[in-house]
Structure formats: C-alpha cells, structure tokens
C-alpha cells in the first residue's frame, strides 16, 4: 500500500478555523500512515468529502466531520476563545 502524501495547494475556503481543523485531521491521518480512501471508507464518507474537509472546505455536514475525527481516534472539544477573537467568527 502506498504511503500518504503531504500535498500542498490552495485551501477550499477562506475560513481559517476550517483550514486549521482540516489541516489537523489531514496531519493526524498522515501520521497514522492512512490513505484518504481508507479513512473515508471507515468513516462512511466519500473520499471527495474527506478531501474537502482536509482542505478546509465549507458546506460539509458536521456529522461527517465528526465521523472522520472518530475514525482517526479524535473527539471534538470546544475551548474558550480570547475576547478579541470573537469578532473574527
């Protein structure tokens, strides 16, 4: 089985929160040595959807993001934001 590649490119959105979330999920997947197709199959999403998530794309249902995170052994956690960062959201 080929090793996961770290590919660069333009993010799928301008939302820095989604970009950071996608980058974390992609890095976790690569660190685990897993391919997008394998993670997508296990999470019950298409490889295209996983690609969109990893590129920080908008419009993906939260249930799908959570399924990918769970497949990678992660769970979401909300942390309090700094007061000045609330205006960014």
C-alpha atoms as a PDB file:
ATOM      1  CA  UNK A   1       0.000   0.000   0.000  1.00  0.00           C
ATOM      2  CA  UNK A   2       1.430   3.420  -0.909  1.00  0.00           C
ATOM      3  CA  UNK A   3       2.283   5.896   1.829  1.00  0.00           C
ATOM      4  CA  UNK A   4       0.126   9.015   2.302  1.00  0.00           C
ATOM      5  CA  UNK A   5       1.462  12.106   0.546  1.00  0.00           C
ATOM      6  CA  UNK A   6       1.666  15.570   2.030  1.00  0.00           C
ATOM      7  CA  UNK A   7       0.360  17.735  -0.779  1.00  0.00           C
ATOM      8  CA  UNK A   8       0.131  21.496  -0.742  1.00  0.00           C
ATOM      9  CA  UNK A   9      -2.326  23.660  -2.566  1.00  0.00           C
ATOM     10  CA  UNK A  10      -4.964  26.298  -2.214  1.00  0.00           C
ATOM     11  CA  UNK A  11      -7.398  25.882   0.712  1.00  0.00           C
ATOM     12  CA  UNK A  12     -11.024  25.144  -0.183  1.00  0.00           C
ATOM     13  CA  UNK A  13     -12.275  28.218   1.718  1.00  0.00           C
ATOM     14  CA  UNK A  14     -11.092  31.436   3.292  1.00  0.00           C
ATOM     15  CA  UNK A  15     -12.206  30.330   6.767  1.00  0.00           C
ATOM     16  CA  UNK A  16      -9.094  29.973   8.970  1.00  0.00           C
ATOM     17  CA  UNK A  17     -10.944  27.833  11.533  1.00  0.00           C
ATOM     18  CA  UNK A  18     -11.969  25.282   8.899  1.00  0.00           C
ATOM     19  CA  UNK A  19      -8.494  25.387   7.378  1.00  0.00           C
ATOM     20  CA  UNK A  20      -6.891  24.658  10.767  1.00  0.00           C
ATOM     21  CA  UNK A  21      -9.361  21.862  11.541  1.00  0.00           C
ATOM     22  CA  UNK A  22      -8.787  20.267   8.144  1.00  0.00           C
ATOM     23  CA  UNK A  23      -5.014  20.550   8.477  1.00  0.00           C
ATOM     24  CA  UNK A  24      -5.126  18.848  11.900  1.00  0.00           C
ATOM     25  CA  UNK A  25      -7.230  15.983  10.565  1.00  0.00           C
ATOM     26  CA  UNK A  26      -5.011  15.568   7.497  1.00  0.00           C
ATOM     27  CA  UNK A  27      -1.854  15.568   9.609  1.00  0.00           C
ATOM     28  CA  UNK A  28      -3.328  13.011  12.006  1.00  0.00           C
ATOM     29  CA  UNK A  29      -4.248  10.783   9.061  1.00  0.00           C
ATOM     30  CA  UNK A  30      -0.776  11.053   7.520  1.00  0.00           C
ATOM     31  CA  UNK A  31       0.931  10.480  10.876  1.00  0.00           C
ATOM     32  CA  UNK A  32      -1.101   7.282  11.204  1.00  0.00           C
ATOM     33  CA  UNK A  33       0.039   6.229   7.724  1.00  0.00           C
ATOM     34  CA  UNK A  34      -3.527   6.038   6.424  1.00  0.00           C
ATOM     35  CA  UNK A  35      -4.739   6.898   2.945  1.00  0.00           C
ATOM     36  CA  UNK A  36      -7.728   9.160   2.320  1.00  0.00           C
ATOM     37  CA  UNK A  37      -9.734   6.343   0.730  1.00  0.00           C
ATOM     38  CA  UNK A  38      -9.258   4.025   3.705  1.00  0.00           C
ATOM     39  CA  UNK A  39     -10.225   6.695   6.252  1.00  0.00           C
ATOM     40  CA  UNK A  40     -13.192   7.779   4.122  1.00  0.00           C
ATOM     41  CA  UNK A  41     -14.449   4.186   3.809  1.00  0.00           C
ATOM     42  CA  UNK A  42     -14.127   3.597   7.547  1.00  0.00           C
ATOM     43  CA  UNK A  43     -15.850   6.904   8.377  1.00  0.00           C
ATOM     44  CA  UNK A  44     -18.658   6.263   5.888  1.00  0.00           C
ATOM     45  CA  UNK A  45     -17.951   9.333   3.765  1.00  0.00           C
ATOM     46  CA  UNK A  46     -16.720   9.736   0.206  1.00  0.00           C
ATOM     47  CA  UNK A  47     -13.053  10.354  -0.487  1.00  0.00           C
ATOM     48  CA  UNK A  48     -14.119  13.640  -2.083  1.00  0.00           C
ATOM     49  CA  UNK A  49     -15.815  14.716   1.161  1.00  0.00           C
ATOM     50  CA  UNK A  50     -12.718  13.833   3.174  1.00  0.00           C
ATOM     51  CA  UNK A  51     -10.603  15.815   0.720  1.00  0.00           C
ATOM     52  CA  UNK A  52     -12.921  18.818   1.152  1.00  0.00           C
ATOM     53  CA  UNK A  53     -12.698  18.545   4.953  1.00  0.00           C
ATOM     54  CA  UNK A  54      -8.907  18.319   4.880  1.00  0.00           C
ATOM     55  CA  UNK A  55      -8.698  21.380   2.595  1.00  0.00           C
ATOM     56  CA  UNK A  56     -10.876  23.442   4.959  1.00  0.00           C
ATOM     57  CA  UNK A  57     -13.917  23.444   2.721  1.00  0.00           C
ATOM     58  CA  UNK A  58     -17.288  24.833   3.727  1.00  0.00           C
ATOM     59  CA  UNK A  59     -20.634  23.097   3.421  1.00  0.00           C
ATOM     60  CA  UNK A  60     -19.673  19.710   4.866  1.00  0.00           C
ATOM     61  CA  UNK A  61     -22.150  18.346   7.410  1.00  0.00           C
ATOM     62  CA  UNK A  62     -20.797  18.213  10.961  1.00  0.00           C
ATOM     63  CA  UNK A  63     -21.826  14.571  11.235  1.00  0.00           C
ATOM     64  CA  UNK A  64     -19.323  13.744   8.516  1.00  0.00           C
ATOM     65  CA  UNK A  65     -16.532  15.764  10.125  1.00  0.00           C
ATOM     66  CA  UNK A  66     -17.224  14.012  13.428  1.00  0.00           C
ATOM     67  CA  UNK A  67     -17.197  10.583  11.744  1.00  0.00           C
ATOM     68  CA  UNK A  68     -13.774  11.333  10.258  1.00  0.00           C
ATOM     69  CA  UNK A  69     -12.459  12.573  13.603  1.00  0.00           C
ATOM     70  CA  UNK A  70     -13.743   9.441  15.356  1.00  0.00           C
ATOM     71  CA  UNK A  71     -12.121   7.224  12.723  1.00  0.00           C
ATOM     72  CA  UNK A  72      -8.830   8.981  13.467  1.00  0.00           C
ATOM     73  CA  UNK A  73      -9.246   8.476  17.223  1.00  0.00           C
ATOM     74  CA  UNK A  74     -10.191  12.088  17.929  1.00  0.00           C
ATOM     75  CA  UNK A  75     -13.153  13.762  19.587  1.00  0.00           C
ATOM     76  CA  UNK A  76     -14.164  17.414  19.322  1.00  0.00           C
ATOM     77  CA  UNK A  77     -13.594  19.804  22.157  1.00  0.00           C
ATOM     78  CA  UNK A  78     -14.649  23.412  22.403  1.00  0.00           C
ATOM     79  CA  UNK A  79     -12.313  25.783  24.197  1.00  0.00           C
ATOM     80  CA  UNK A  80     -12.949  29.323  25.290  1.00  0.00           C
ATOM     81  CA  UNK A  81     -11.744  31.918  22.808  1.00  0.00           C
ATOM     82  CA  UNK A  82      -9.842  35.069  23.620  1.00  0.00           C
ATOM     83  CA  UNK A  83     -12.303  38.025  23.741  1.00  0.00           C
ATOM     84  CA  UNK A  84     -10.713  39.777  20.720  1.00  0.00           C
ATOM     85  CA  UNK A  85     -11.006  36.640  18.553  1.00  0.00           C
ATOM     86  CA  UNK A  86     -14.807  36.531  18.901  1.00  0.00           C
ATOM     87  CA  UNK A  87     -15.143  39.324  16.343  1.00  0.00           C
ATOM     88  CA  UNK A  88     -13.396  37.132  13.736  1.00  0.00           C
ATOM     89  CA  UNK A  89     -16.022  34.410  13.803  1.00  0.00           C
END
